[in-house]
């Protein structure tokens, strides 16, 4: 799961196509599938909310 999360962070940070993820990460289709699921479930909004509360 950590490598999948690293792939999502890499794509979001660099703005590259999913297909252009480095080869040392899991396959882009796996990373993108988890990203879609987690986005739909509100995981990223919750993560940002927790991080904001922690830093504020």
PDB file of N, CA and C in Angstrom:
ATOM      1  N   UNK A   1       0.823  -1.197   0.000  1.00  0.00           N
ATOM      2  CA  UNK A   1       0.000   0.000   0.000  1.00  0.00           C
ATOM      3  C   UNK A   1       0.868   1.262   0.000  1.00  0.00           C
ATOM      4  N   UNK A   2       2.007   1.181   0.683  1.00  0.00           N
ATOM      5  CA  UNK A   2       2.874   2.363   0.719  1.00  0.00           C
ATOM      6  C   UNK A   2       3.373   2.720  -0.683  1.00  0.00           C
ATOM      7  N   UNK A   3       3.748   1.721  -1.457  1.00  0.00           N
ATOM      8  CA  UNK A   3       4.232   1.982  -2.810  1.00  0.00           C
ATOM      9  C   UNK A   3       3.124   2.544  -3.694  1.00  0.00           C
ATOM     10  N   UNK A   4       1.913   2.103  -3.493  1.00  0.00           N
ATOM     11  CA  UNK A   4       0.778   2.644  -4.247  1.00  0.00           C
ATOM     12  C   UNK A   4       0.567   4.104  -3.880  1.00  0.00           C
ATOM     13  N   UNK A   5       0.612   4.390  -2.586  1.00  0.00           N
ATOM     14  CA  UNK A   5       0.470   5.777  -2.126  1.00  0.00           C
ATOM     15  C   UNK A   5       1.612   6.634  -2.677  1.00  0.00           C
ATOM     16  N   UNK A   6       2.830   6.094  -2.685  1.00  0.00           N
ATOM     17  CA  UNK A   6       3.966   6.825  -3.262  1.00  0.00           C
ATOM     18  C   UNK A   6       3.708   7.135  -4.738  1.00  0.00           C
ATOM     19  N   UNK A   7       3.130   6.194  -5.464  1.00  0.00           N
ATOM     20  CA  UNK A   7       2.813   6.425  -6.869  1.00  0.00           C
ATOM     21  C   UNK A   7       1.793   7.535  -7.052  1.00  0.00           C
ATOM     22  N   UNK A   8       0.789   7.554  -6.196  1.00  0.00           N
ATOM     23  CA  UNK A   8      -0.224   8.617  -6.260  1.00  0.00           C
ATOM     24  C   UNK A   8       0.420   9.967  -5.970  1.00  0.00           C
ATOM     25  N   UNK A   9       1.232  10.031  -4.923  1.00  0.00           N
ATOM     26  CA  UNK A   9       1.907  11.288  -4.592  1.00  0.00           C
ATOM     27  C   UNK A   9       2.826  11.743  -5.726  1.00  0.00           C
ATOM     28  N   UNK A  10       3.522  10.804  -6.334  1.00  0.00           N
ATOM     29  CA  UNK A  10       4.409  11.142  -7.452  1.00  0.00           C
ATOM     30  C   UNK A  10       3.604  11.775  -8.586  1.00  0.00           C
ATOM     31  N   UNK A  11       2.500  11.163  -8.941  1.00  0.00           N
ATOM     32  CA  UNK A  11       1.690  11.688 -10.046  1.00  0.00           C
ATOM     33  C   UNK A  11       1.125  13.064  -9.699  1.00  0.00           C
ATOM     34  N   UNK A  12       0.627  13.222  -8.491  1.00  0.00           N
ATOM     35  CA  UNK A  12       0.038  14.502  -8.107  1.00  0.00           C
ATOM     36  C   UNK A  12       1.093  15.605  -8.040  1.00  0.00           C
ATOM     37  N   UNK A  13       2.277  15.268  -7.562  1.00  0.00           N
ATOM     38  CA  UNK A  13       3.345  16.260  -7.456  1.00  0.00           C
ATOM     39  C   UNK A  13       3.870  16.674  -8.824  1.00  0.00           C
ATOM     40  N   UNK A  14       4.063  15.701  -9.711  1.00  0.00           N
ATOM     41  CA  UNK A  14       4.701  15.971 -10.996  1.00  0.00           C
ATOM     42  C   UNK A  14       3.729  16.257 -12.124  1.00  0.00           C
ATOM     43  N   UNK A  15       2.472  15.881 -11.948  1.00  0.00           N
ATOM     44  CA  UNK A  15       1.476  16.140 -12.976  1.00  0.00           C
ATOM     45  C   UNK A  15       1.676  15.324 -14.240  1.00  0.00           C
ATOM     46  N   UNK A  16       2.385  14.227 -14.123  1.00  0.00           N
ATOM     47  CA  UNK A  16       2.636  13.386 -15.297  1.00  0.00           C
ATOM     48  C   UNK A  16       1.402  12.527 -15.603  1.00  0.00           C
ATOM     49  N   UNK A  17       1.408  11.904 -16.767  1.00  0.00           N
ATOM     50  CA  UNK A  17       0.366  10.933 -17.079  1.00  0.00           C
ATOM     51  C   UNK A  17       0.552   9.725 -16.177  1.00  0.00           C
ATOM     52  N   UNK A  18      -0.536   9.062 -15.876  1.00  0.00           N
ATOM     53  CA  UNK A  18      -0.442   7.862 -15.051  1.00  0.00           C
ATOM     54  C   UNK A  18       0.491   6.838 -15.692  1.00  0.00           C
ATOM     55  N   UNK A  19       0.451   6.736 -16.999  1.00  0.00           N
ATOM     56  CA  UNK A  19       1.278   5.767 -17.714  1.00  0.00           C
ATOM     57  C   UNK A  19       2.768   6.065 -17.589  1.00  0.00           C
ATOM     58  N   UNK A  20       3.112   7.291 -17.200  1.00  0.00           N
ATOM     59  CA  UNK A  20       4.517   7.702 -17.116  1.00  0.00           C
ATOM     60  C   UNK A  20       5.111   7.565 -15.719  1.00  0.00           C
ATOM     61  N   UNK A  21       4.420   6.861 -14.828  1.00  0.00           N
ATOM     62  CA  UNK A  21       4.989   6.639 -13.503  1.00  0.00           C
ATOM     63  C   UNK A  21       6.288   5.853 -13.629  1.00  0.00           C
ATOM     64  N   UNK A  22       7.263   6.115 -12.763  1.00  0.00           N
ATOM     65  CA  UNK A  22       8.517   5.353 -12.822  1.00  0.00           C
ATOM     66  C   UNK A  22       8.276   3.856 -12.695  1.00  0.00           C
ATOM     67  N   UNK A  23       9.140   3.098 -13.310  1.00  0.00           N
ATOM     68  CA  UNK A  23       8.980   1.642 -13.342  1.00  0.00           C
ATOM     69  C   UNK A  23       9.247   0.986 -11.984  1.00  0.00           C
ATOM     70  N   UNK A  24       9.856   1.707 -11.038  1.00  0.00           N
ATOM     71  CA  UNK A  24      10.093   1.116  -9.718  1.00  0.00           C
ATOM     72  C   UNK A  24       8.860   1.201  -8.817  1.00  0.00           C
ATOM     73  N   UNK A  25       7.789   1.812  -9.317  1.00  0.00           N
ATOM     74  CA  UNK A  25       6.514   1.858  -8.604  1.00  0.00           C
ATOM     75  C   UNK A  25       5.617   0.752  -9.159  1.00  0.00           C
ATOM     76  N   UNK A  26       4.520   0.436  -8.464  1.00  0.00           N
ATOM     77  CA  UNK A  26       3.591  -0.569  -9.005  1.00  0.00           C
ATOM     78  C   UNK A  26       3.045  -0.126 -10.368  1.00  0.00           C
ATOM     79  N   UNK A  27       2.452  -1.039 -11.115  1.00  0.00           N
ATOM     80  CA  UNK A  27       1.885  -0.673 -12.431  1.00  0.00           C
ATOM     81  C   UNK A  27       0.902   0.490 -12.309  1.00  0.00           C
ATOM     82  N   UNK A  28       0.933   1.361 -13.307  1.00  0.00           N
ATOM     83  CA  UNK A  28       0.101   2.562 -13.240  1.00  0.00           C
ATOM     84  C   UNK A  28      -1.377   2.226 -13.110  1.00  0.00           C
ATOM     85  N   UNK A  29      -1.818   1.137 -13.719  1.00  0.00           N
ATOM     86  CA  UNK A  29      -3.232   0.780 -13.634  1.00  0.00           C
ATOM     87  C   UNK A  29      -3.632   0.458 -12.191  1.00  0.00           C
ATOM     88  N   UNK A  30      -2.748  -0.167 -11.454  1.00  0.00           N
ATOM     89  CA  UNK A  30      -3.008  -0.469 -10.043  1.00  0.00           C
ATOM     90  C   UNK A  30      -3.041   0.813  -9.220  1.00  0.00           C
ATOM     91  N   UNK A  31      -2.073   1.679  -9.447  1.00  0.00           N
ATOM     92  CA  UNK A  31      -1.999   2.949  -8.713  1.00  0.00           C
ATOM     93  C   UNK A  31      -3.228   3.794  -9.010  1.00  0.00           C
ATOM     94  N   UNK A  32      -3.608   3.892 -10.283  1.00  0.00           N
ATOM     95  CA  UNK A  32      -4.761   4.710 -10.661  1.00  0.00           C
ATOM     96  C   UNK A  32      -6.057   4.130 -10.107  1.00  0.00           C
ATOM     97  N   UNK A  33      -6.193   2.809 -10.112  1.00  0.00           N
ATOM     98  CA  UNK A  33      -7.397   2.168  -9.585  1.00  0.00           C
ATOM     99  C   UNK A  33      -7.580   2.537  -8.111  1.00  0.00           C
ATOM    100  N   UNK A  34      -6.510   2.446  -7.336  1.00  0.00           N
ATOM    101  CA  UNK A  34      -6.602   2.809  -5.917  1.00  0.00           C
ATOM    102  C   UNK A  34      -6.877   4.296  -5.750  1.00  0.00           C
ATOM    103  N   UNK A  35      -6.257   5.143  -6.576  1.00  0.00           N
ATOM    104  CA  UNK A  35      -6.509   6.576  -6.513  1.00  0.00           C
ATOM    105  C   UNK A  35      -7.994   6.877  -6.719  1.00  0.00           C
ATOM    106  N   UNK A  36      -8.607   6.259  -7.746  1.00  0.00           N
ATOM    107  CA  UNK A  36     -10.035   6.497  -8.005  1.00  0.00           C
ATOM    108  C   UNK A  36     -10.895   6.058  -6.824  1.00  0.00           C
ATOM    109  N   UNK A  37     -10.591   4.898  -6.271  1.00  0.00           N
ATOM    110  CA  UNK A  37     -11.361   4.389  -5.129  1.00  0.00           C
ATOM    111  C   UNK A  37     -11.219   5.300  -3.922  1.00  0.00           C
ATOM    112  N   UNK A  38      -9.989   5.685  -3.608  1.00  0.00           N
ATOM    113  CA  UNK A  38      -9.744   6.522  -2.435  1.00  0.00           C
ATOM    114  C   UNK A  38     -10.316   7.923  -2.624  1.00  0.00           C
ATOM    115  N   UNK A  39     -10.236   8.456  -3.855  1.00  0.00           N
ATOM    116  CA  UNK A  39     -10.815   9.778  -4.124  1.00  0.00           C
ATOM    117  C   UNK A  39     -12.323   9.746  -3.926  1.00  0.00           C
ATOM    118  N   UNK A  40     -12.982   8.717  -4.458  1.00  0.00           N
ATOM    119  CA  UNK A  40     -14.433   8.592  -4.323  1.00  0.00           C
ATOM    120  C   UNK A  40     -14.856   8.410  -2.872  1.00  0.00           C
ATOM    121  N   UNK A  41     -14.008   7.773  -2.075  1.00  0.00           N
ATOM    122  CA  UNK A  41     -14.318   7.532  -0.664  1.00  0.00           C
ATOM    123  C   UNK A  41     -13.984   8.731   0.218  1.00  0.00           C
ATOM    124  N   UNK A  42     -13.384   9.773  -0.347  1.00  0.00           N
ATOM    125  CA  UNK A  42     -13.058  10.964   0.424  1.00  0.00           C
ATOM    126  C   UNK A  42     -11.796  10.842   1.261  1.00  0.00           C
ATOM    127  N   UNK A  43     -10.954   9.882   0.925  1.00  0.00           N
ATOM    128  CA  UNK A  43      -9.737   9.650   1.712  1.00  0.00           C
ATOM    129  C   UNK A  43      -8.813  10.869   1.675  1.00  0.00           C
ATOM    130  N   UNK A  44      -8.649  11.478   0.522  1.00  0.00           N
ATOM    131  CA  UNK A  44      -7.710  12.590   0.406  1.00  0.00           C
ATOM    132  C   UNK A  44      -8.216  13.837   1.130  1.00  0.00           C
ATOM    133  N   UNK A  45      -9.514  14.068   1.089  1.00  0.00           N
ATOM    134  CA  UNK A  45     -10.070  15.197   1.834  1.00  0.00           C
ATOM    135  C   UNK A  45      -9.877  14.990   3.335  1.00  0.00           C
ATOM    136  N   UNK A  46     -10.099  13.775   3.797  1.00  0.00           N
ATOM    137  CA  UNK A  46      -9.902  13.473   5.212  1.00  0.00           C
ATOM    138  C   UNK A  46      -8.433  13.607   5.604  1.00  0.00           C
ATOM    139  N   UNK A  47      -7.554  13.121   4.770  1.00  0.00           N
ATOM    140  CA  UNK A  47      -6.122  13.233   5.030  1.00  0.00           C
ATOM    141  C   UNK A  47      -5.711  14.695   5.141  1.00  0.00           C
ATOM    142  N   UNK A  48      -6.157  15.517   4.203  1.00  0.00           N
ATOM    143  CA  UNK A  48      -5.803  16.937   4.247  1.00  0.00           C
ATOM    144  C   UNK A  48      -6.394  17.616   5.472  1.00  0.00           C
ATOM    145  N   UNK A  49      -7.595  17.227   5.866  1.00  0.00           N
ATOM    146  CA  UNK A  49      -8.221  17.790   7.056  1.00  0.00           C
ATOM    147  C   UNK A  49      -7.412  17.457   8.310  1.00  0.00           C
ATOM    148  N   UNK A  50      -6.998  16.211   8.429  1.00  0.00           N
ATOM    149  CA  UNK A  50      -6.205  15.790   9.588  1.00  0.00           C
ATOM    150  C   UNK A  50      -4.858  16.509   9.596  1.00  0.00           C
ATOM    151  N   UNK A  51      -4.213  16.582   8.432  1.00  0.00           N
ATOM    152  CA  UNK A  51      -2.924  17.265   8.370  1.00  0.00           C
ATOM    153  C   UNK A  51      -3.061  18.737   8.706  1.00  0.00           C
ATOM    154  N   UNK A  52      -4.119  19.370   8.239  1.00  0.00           N
ATOM    155  CA  UNK A  52      -4.331  20.783   8.523  1.00  0.00           C
ATOM    156  C   UNK A  52      -4.535  21.015  10.016  1.00  0.00           C
ATOM    157  N   UNK A  53      -5.351  20.160  10.646  1.00  0.00           N
ATOM    158  CA  UNK A  53      -5.589  20.300  12.098  1.00  0.00           C
ATOM    159  C   UNK A  53      -4.307  20.087  12.877  1.00  0.00           C
ATOM    160  N   UNK A  54      -3.462  19.171  12.423  1.00  0.00           N
ATOM    161  CA  UNK A  54      -2.214  18.870  13.116  1.00  0.00           C
ATOM    162  C   UNK A  54      -1.237  20.036  13.011  1.00  0.00           C
ATOM    163  N   UNK A  55      -1.219  20.674  11.872  1.00  0.00           N
ATOM    164  CA  UNK A  55      -0.253  21.753  11.639  1.00  0.00           C
ATOM    165  C   UNK A  55      -0.749  23.102  12.145  1.00  0.00           C
ATOM    166  N   UNK A  56      -2.033  23.253  12.334  1.00  0.00           N
ATOM    167  CA  UNK A  56      -2.580  24.554  12.699  1.00  0.00           C
ATOM    168  C   UNK A  56      -2.488  24.814  14.189  1.00  0.00           C
TER     169      UNK A  56
END
